[in-house]
Amino acid sequence: MPRIPFETLKAEFKRVLLNRGCNEEISDMCAQLFTETSCDGIYSHGVNRFPRVVEYIDKGYINLNATPTKVDGIGGFERWDGNLGLGNVNAKLAMDRAIELARQNGIGCVALKNTNHWLRGGTYGWQAANAGCIGICWTNTQPNMPAWGAKDRRIGNNPFIIAIPRAEGHVVIDAAMAQFSYGQMEAAALRHEQLPVPGGFDEAGNISTDPNEIAKTWRVLPIGFWKGSGMSIALDLVAAVLSGGNSAFRVGKLGGDEYQLSQVCIAIDAKQIAGDEFLSSAVNEVLADIKASERVNENQEIIYPGEKEEMTRKQNRELGISVEDVVWAKIQSL
């Protein structure tokens, strides 16, 4: 795979967006977010996903120059309409506003309706943590996962993110309610790899680690089996109720593509509430204890959520971002 410098990859994303009529400010923001996601090693929701976003632009699902508008609010809570703008731009702006509300109220919550796929949900957790806030956010999706005990897909894999700020490296967990996101499975299939653990069922009803076979059935496994299924349903309901937007059920009625989603971004001003000293000591002592765990494999370090992304980011900044040949060729052709 070629390694593409950060600024070169960003420029290519931006070129495509500008050529499709996106304005300078939004093109630059969207391209930056795509490149940061790729730089952190989340290729499935960065560089690999870009051609599909362009496809959605061409289909008219994305209003390139739209940004969210406030609908109403009370105290530290606000409801916004995404106006079908670019999903990663809308989510960033929503978290920006949640952080502003947290500065004023200690906690801020923005519920966003009528938006598009936000790509890597962890982006907005990192964003909150960089601002010294605890970040909590989630999105619903099209119906792409069966409820526990069912065969047909009626709930979403609804990614959920929690981020805790830390000077030495933030703690950020970004987890779909499925064992693997569809983007992760697509990336594994592109590399001709099996999943490390079972991720769903094949057409014969057998549990499988083959991403190509699972993609045929859409029968992905929820994390924790019935627990992940229940979490998916609850997250979907809260996002729809708070935003006044679509549930996964309503998104499914739009057709086979994924748009008009509902999302929630919450920021809690951790530094203001806990103070720098307690925040740092509380997080560091927990991570130090975890790092001291007895290892199953002495050669495999115990890492905390977000640590791998920090290491990958540093390497990709130095060496360039790994991009599959076929993906790079596709983006250059757009």
Protein backbone atom coordinates (compact mmCIF):
# COMPACT_ATOMS: atom_id res chain seq x y z
CA MET A 1 0.00 0.00 0.00
CA PRO A 2 1.27 3.50 -0.75
CA ARG A 3 1.72 5.94 2.12
CA ILE A 4 0.21 9.32 1.34
CA PRO A 5 1.32 12.45 3.25
CA PHE A 6 -1.40 14.00 5.43
CA GLU A 7 -1.62 17.24 3.45
CA THR A 8 -1.64 15.42 0.09
CA LEU A 9 -4.56 13.24 1.14
CA LYS A 10 -6.45 16.23 2.53
CA ALA A 11 -5.88 18.18 -0.68
CA GLU A 12 -7.31 15.30 -2.74
CA PHE A 13 -10.44 15.09 -0.57
CA LYS A 14 -10.86 18.85 -0.81
CA ARG A 15 -10.38 18.88 -4.59
CA VAL A 16 -13.24 16.43 -5.08
CA LEU A 17 -15.57 18.37 -2.76
CA LEU A 18 -14.79 21.71 -4.39
CA ASN A 19 -15.36 20.24 -7.84
CA ARG A 20 -18.84 19.18 -6.75
CA GLY A 21 -19.75 22.68 -5.65
CA CYS A 22 -18.90 22.61 -1.96
CA ASN A 23 -17.72 25.96 -0.61
CA GLU A 24 -14.18 26.58 0.62
CA GLU A 25 -14.86 26.55 4.37
CA ILE A 26 -16.98 23.39 4.44
CA SER A 27 -14.67 21.59 1.96
CA ASP A 28 -11.67 22.32 4.15
CA MET A 29 -13.42 21.20 7.35
CA CYS A 30 -14.78 18.01 5.81
CA ALA A 31 -11.43 17.14 4.19
CA GLN A 32 -9.60 17.76 7.49
CA LEU A 33 -11.97 15.43 9.36
CA PHE A 34 -11.66 12.71 6.72
CA THR A 35 -7.87 12.94 6.84
CA GLU A 36 -7.67 12.92 10.65
CA THR A 37 -9.83 9.80 10.77
CA SER A 38 -7.56 8.09 8.22
CA CYS A 39 -4.45 9.27 10.05
CA ASP A 40 -5.71 7.60 13.25
CA GLY A 41 -5.92 4.31 11.38
CA ILE A 42 -9.72 4.22 11.09
CA TYR A 43 -9.52 3.73 7.34
CA SER A 44 -12.97 2.10 7.17
CA HIS A 45 -14.62 5.41 8.12
CA GLY A 46 -12.02 7.69 6.53
CA VAL A 47 -10.34 7.19 3.18
CA ASN A 48 -12.17 3.94 2.38
CA ARG A 49 -15.56 5.58 2.98
CA PHE A 50 -14.93 8.73 0.93
CA PRO A 51 -16.08 7.31 -2.45
CA ARG A 52 -19.43 6.33 -0.91
CA VAL A 53 -19.93 9.83 0.47
CA VAL A 54 -19.29 11.18 -3.03
CA GLU A 55 -21.87 8.70 -4.33
CA TYR A 56 -24.40 10.06 -1.82
CA ILE A 57 -23.56 13.62 -2.92
CA ASP A 58 -24.19 12.65 -6.52
CA LYS A 59 -27.50 10.99 -5.54
CA GLY A 60 -28.64 14.22 -3.88
CA TYR A 61 -28.79 12.90 -0.32
CA ILE A 62 -26.23 15.43 0.91
CA ASN A 63 -26.71 19.20 0.76
CA LEU A 64 -23.04 20.17 0.43
CA ASN A 65 -23.25 23.76 1.64
CA ALA A 66 -25.81 23.28 4.40
CA THR A 67 -24.98 23.62 8.10
CA PRO A 68 -27.16 22.91 11.14
CA THR A 69 -29.76 25.44 12.33
CA LYS A 70 -31.19 25.70 15.84
CA VAL A 71 -34.80 24.61 16.24
CA ASP A 72 -35.32 25.21 19.97
CA GLY A 73 -33.75 24.64 23.36
CA ILE A 74 -33.97 24.95 27.11
CA GLY A 75 -31.03 25.58 29.45
CA GLY A 76 -28.08 23.41 28.45
CA PHE A 77 -30.13 21.43 25.92
CA GLU A 78 -30.71 22.41 22.30
CA ARG A 79 -32.36 20.75 19.31
CA TRP A 80 -30.88 21.38 15.86
CA ASP A 81 -31.76 20.48 12.26
CA GLY A 82 -28.82 19.20 10.19
CA ASN A 83 -30.46 20.23 6.91
CA LEU A 84 -28.91 17.13 5.30
CA GLY A 85 -25.44 18.66 5.38
CA LEU A 86 -22.22 16.66 5.29
CA GLY A 87 -22.39 14.29 8.25
CA ASN A 88 -18.94 14.85 9.70
CA VAL A 89 -19.23 18.64 9.41
CA ASN A 90 -22.68 18.64 11.05
CA ALA A 91 -21.49 16.45 13.93
CA LYS A 92 -18.41 18.60 14.54
CA LEU A 93 -20.52 21.75 14.65
CA ALA A 94 -23.01 20.05 16.99
CA MET A 95 -20.24 19.05 19.39
CA ASP A 96 -18.75 22.55 19.14
CA ARG A 97 -22.09 23.89 20.34
CA ALA A 98 -22.39 21.25 23.09
CA ILE A 99 -18.94 22.34 24.36
CA GLU A 100 -20.05 26.00 24.36
CA LEU A 101 -23.13 25.06 26.38
CA ALA A 102 -20.96 23.05 28.80
CA ARG A 103 -18.78 26.10 29.40
CA GLN A 104 -21.90 28.02 30.39
CA ASN A 105 -23.83 25.32 32.26
CA GLY A 106 -21.33 22.60 33.19
CA ILE A 107 -23.08 20.29 30.74
CA GLY A 108 -24.33 20.80 27.21
CA CYS A 109 -26.43 18.57 24.98
CA VAL A 110 -27.24 19.04 21.30
CA ALA A 111 -29.69 16.69 19.63
CA LEU A 112 -29.40 16.75 15.85
CA LYS A 113 -32.01 15.54 13.36
CA ASN A 114 -32.03 15.29 9.56
CA THR A 115 -28.30 14.69 9.22
CA ASN A 116 -26.03 12.24 7.38
CA HIS A 117 -23.56 9.50 8.35
CA TRP A 118 -21.05 11.11 10.68
CA LEU A 119 -18.25 8.70 9.62
CA ARG A 120 -16.00 8.01 12.65
CA GLY A 121 -18.04 8.75 15.73
CA GLY A 122 -14.91 8.81 17.88
CA THR A 123 -13.92 12.06 16.14
CA TYR A 124 -16.39 14.00 18.24
CA GLY A 125 -15.27 12.30 21.45
CA TRP A 126 -11.68 13.37 20.69
CA GLN A 127 -13.00 16.85 19.93
CA ALA A 128 -14.68 17.13 23.35
CA ALA A 129 -11.65 15.72 25.17
CA ASN A 130 -9.34 18.17 23.39
CA ALA A 131 -11.54 20.91 24.86
CA GLY A 132 -11.14 19.46 28.37
CA CYS A 133 -14.63 17.96 28.36
CA ILE A 134 -16.03 14.51 28.84
CA GLY A 135 -17.73 13.71 25.55
CA ILE A 136 -20.69 11.37 25.10
CA CYS A 137 -22.30 10.98 21.69
CA TRP A 138 -24.15 8.50 19.55
CA THR A 139 -26.03 8.16 16.30
CA ASN A 140 -28.72 5.93 14.94
CA THR A 141 -28.38 4.24 11.56
CA GLN A 142 -30.47 2.50 8.95
CA PRO A 143 -31.82 -0.88 10.15
CA ASN A 144 -28.67 -2.96 9.64
CA MET A 145 -28.74 -5.48 12.50
CA PRO A 146 -31.28 -8.05 13.70
CA ALA A 147 -32.63 -7.68 17.21
CA TRP A 148 -31.50 -10.52 19.48
CA GLY A 149 -33.37 -13.68 18.51
CA ALA A 150 -34.41 -12.32 15.09
CA LYS A 151 -33.15 -13.00 11.57
CA ASP A 152 -34.23 -9.87 9.71
CA ARG A 153 -32.59 -6.50 10.39
CA ARG A 154 -34.81 -3.98 12.19
CA ILE A 155 -32.41 -2.14 14.53
CA GLY A 156 -29.20 -0.18 13.92
CA ASN A 157 -25.65 -0.82 15.04
CA ASN A 158 -25.85 2.71 16.53
CA PRO A 159 -22.24 3.66 17.48
CA PHE A 160 -21.76 5.01 21.01
CA ILE A 161 -18.75 7.08 22.14
CA ILE A 162 -17.40 8.14 25.54
CA ALA A 163 -14.25 10.27 25.88
CA ILE A 164 -12.39 11.37 29.01
CA PRO A 165 -9.74 14.12 28.76
CA ARG A 166 -6.20 13.38 29.90
CA ALA A 167 -3.04 15.43 29.33
CA GLU A 168 -0.96 12.31 28.60
CA GLY A 169 -3.49 10.95 26.10
CA HIS A 170 -7.28 10.94 26.14
CA VAL A 171 -9.35 7.85 26.89
CA VAL A 172 -11.80 7.36 24.01
CA ILE A 173 -14.06 4.37 23.44
CA ASP A 174 -15.88 4.26 20.09
CA ALA A 175 -18.10 1.18 19.84
CA ALA A 176 -20.83 0.18 17.43
CA MET A 177 -23.51 -1.97 18.99
CA ALA A 178 -22.47 -4.67 16.51
CA GLN A 179 -19.32 -6.70 17.14
CA PHE A 180 -17.90 -5.12 13.97
CA SER A 181 -19.12 -2.11 12.02
CA TYR A 182 -19.88 -2.66 8.35
CA GLY A 183 -16.96 -0.37 7.55
CA GLN A 184 -14.60 -2.61 9.52
CA MET A 185 -15.91 -5.68 7.72
CA GLU A 186 -15.53 -3.99 4.33
CA ALA A 187 -11.92 -3.12 5.21
CA ALA A 188 -11.20 -6.74 6.23
CA ALA A 189 -12.75 -8.00 2.99
CA LEU A 190 -10.64 -5.54 1.00
CA ARG A 191 -7.52 -7.00 2.67
CA HIS A 192 -8.80 -10.58 2.10
CA GLU A 193 -8.74 -11.17 5.86
CA GLN A 194 -11.03 -13.01 8.26
CA LEU A 195 -12.41 -11.24 11.31
CA PRO A 196 -10.45 -11.97 14.52
CA VAL A 197 -13.61 -13.24 16.27
CA PRO A 198 -17.08 -14.18 14.96
CA GLY A 199 -18.98 -11.17 13.65
CA GLY A 200 -22.26 -12.61 12.35
CA PHE A 201 -23.96 -15.42 10.47
CA ASP A 202 -23.56 -16.81 6.97
CA GLU A 203 -26.38 -17.84 4.62
CA ALA A 204 -26.53 -21.31 6.14
CA GLY A 205 -27.14 -19.81 9.59
CA ASN A 206 -23.67 -20.65 10.87
CA ILE A 207 -21.69 -18.21 12.96
CA SER A 208 -18.87 -16.80 10.83
CA THR A 209 -15.66 -14.79 10.76
CA ASP A 210 -15.91 -14.26 6.97
CA PRO A 211 -16.85 -10.61 6.28
CA ASN A 212 -18.01 -11.41 2.76
CA GLU A 213 -20.41 -14.08 3.97
CA ILE A 214 -21.80 -11.89 6.76
CA ALA A 215 -22.35 -9.04 4.28
CA LYS A 216 -24.66 -11.31 2.28
CA THR A 217 -27.03 -11.85 5.22
CA TRP A 218 -26.73 -8.57 7.20
CA ARG A 219 -26.97 -10.84 10.26
CA VAL A 220 -24.28 -9.15 12.34
CA LEU A 221 -23.81 -10.06 15.99
CA PRO A 222 -24.68 -7.39 18.56
CA ILE A 223 -22.02 -6.87 21.22
CA GLY A 224 -22.91 -8.84 24.33
CA PHE A 225 -25.68 -10.57 22.36
CA TRP A 226 -28.98 -9.44 23.93
CA LYS A 227 -27.27 -6.59 25.80
CA GLY A 228 -26.01 -4.94 22.61
CA SER A 229 -29.42 -5.42 21.04
CA GLY A 230 -31.10 -3.70 23.99
CA MET A 231 -28.56 -0.87 23.99
CA SER A 232 -29.15 -0.31 20.28
CA ILE A 233 -32.89 0.04 20.79
CA ALA A 234 -32.49 2.43 23.74
CA LEU A 235 -29.93 4.66 21.98
CA ASP A 236 -32.13 4.87 18.90
CA LEU A 237 -35.17 5.86 20.93
CA VAL A 238 -33.36 8.56 22.89
CA ALA A 239 -31.81 10.06 19.74
CA ALA A 240 -35.17 10.18 17.97
CA VAL A 241 -37.07 11.58 20.97
CA LEU A 242 -34.53 14.28 21.83
CA SER A 243 -33.90 15.40 18.25
CA GLY A 244 -37.47 15.13 17.01
CA GLY A 245 -36.01 13.25 14.05
CA ASN A 246 -36.10 9.79 12.56
CA SER A 247 -35.75 6.50 14.41
CA ALA A 248 -33.94 3.63 12.68
CA PHE A 249 -37.42 2.38 11.74
CA ARG A 250 -38.19 5.65 9.92
CA VAL A 251 -34.76 5.72 8.27
CA GLY A 252 -35.45 2.24 6.96
CA LYS A 253 -38.66 3.46 5.32
CA LEU A 254 -36.63 5.89 3.18
CA GLY A 255 -35.14 3.04 1.13
CA GLY A 256 -31.87 1.16 1.01
CA ASP A 257 -29.54 4.12 1.59
CA GLU A 258 -28.67 5.78 4.91
CA TYR A 259 -29.54 9.43 5.45
CA GLN A 260 -31.82 11.69 7.55
CA LEU A 261 -30.27 10.28 10.76
CA SER A 262 -30.62 11.42 14.38
CA GLN A 263 -27.67 12.06 16.70
CA VAL A 264 -26.88 13.28 20.21
CA CYS A 265 -23.73 15.16 21.31
CA ILE A 266 -23.12 15.74 25.03
CA ALA A 267 -20.20 17.63 26.58
CA ILE A 268 -19.45 17.88 30.31
CA ASP A 269 -16.89 20.44 31.42
CA ALA A 270 -14.74 17.98 33.39
CA LYS A 271 -11.97 20.47 34.20
CA GLN A 272 -14.43 23.01 35.59
CA ILE A 273 -16.35 20.40 37.59
CA ALA A 274 -13.53 18.15 38.86
CA GLY A 275 -10.53 20.47 38.66
CA ASP A 276 -7.32 19.69 36.78
CA GLU A 277 -5.58 17.98 39.70
CA PHE A 278 -8.35 15.54 40.62
CA LEU A 279 -9.21 14.83 36.98
CA SER A 280 -5.61 13.94 36.22
CA SER A 281 -4.99 11.83 39.34
CA ALA A 282 -8.29 9.94 39.11
CA VAL A 283 -7.77 8.95 35.48
CA ASN A 284 -4.05 8.22 35.78
CA GLU A 285 -4.33 5.92 38.80
CA VAL A 286 -6.98 3.80 37.08
CA LEU A 287 -4.97 3.50 33.88
CA ALA A 288 -1.79 2.71 35.80
CA ASP A 289 -3.59 -0.10 37.63
CA ILE A 290 -4.94 -1.51 34.35
CA LYS A 291 -1.47 -1.34 32.77
CA ALA A 292 -0.14 -3.38 35.71
CA SER A 293 -2.48 -6.28 34.88
CA GLU A 294 -1.07 -9.78 34.57
CA ARG A 295 -0.86 -10.36 30.84
CA VAL A 296 -2.18 -13.38 28.98
CA ASN A 297 0.63 -12.83 26.46
CA GLU A 298 3.77 -11.26 27.91
CA ASN A 299 4.60 -9.75 24.51
CA GLN A 300 1.23 -8.03 24.14
CA GLU A 301 0.82 -4.79 26.07
CA ILE A 302 -2.46 -3.92 27.78
CA ILE A 303 -3.75 -0.74 26.17
CA TYR A 304 -6.54 1.63 27.16
CA PRO A 305 -9.21 2.88 24.72
CA GLY A 306 -7.71 5.53 22.46
CA GLU A 307 -4.07 4.54 23.01
CA LYS A 308 -3.80 2.64 19.74
CA GLU A 309 -5.13 5.63 17.80
CA GLU A 310 -2.54 7.90 19.44
CA MET A 311 0.28 5.54 18.36
CA THR A 312 -1.08 5.12 14.83
CA ARG A 313 -1.54 8.89 14.46
CA LYS A 314 2.09 9.53 15.36
CA GLN A 315 3.34 6.89 12.91
CA ASN A 316 1.11 8.03 10.05
CA ARG A 317 2.09 11.66 10.55
CA GLU A 318 5.73 10.66 10.22
CA LEU A 319 5.50 8.06 7.43
CA GLY A 320 2.30 8.99 5.61
CA ILE A 321 -1.17 7.44 5.73
CA SER A 322 -1.57 3.91 4.38
CA VAL A 323 -4.11 3.76 1.56
CA GLU A 324 -5.14 0.69 -0.44
CA ASP A 325 -4.06 1.01 -4.09
CA VAL A 326 -7.58 0.44 -5.37
CA VAL A 327 -9.01 3.06 -2.98
CA TRP A 328 -6.38 5.67 -3.88
CA ALA A 329 -6.96 5.10 -7.59
CA LYS A 330 -10.71 5.48 -7.09
CA ILE A 331 -10.37 8.78 -5.20
CA GLN A 332 -7.99 10.19 -7.80
CA SER A 333 -10.49 9.33 -10.51
CA LEU A 334 -13.37 11.19 -8.86
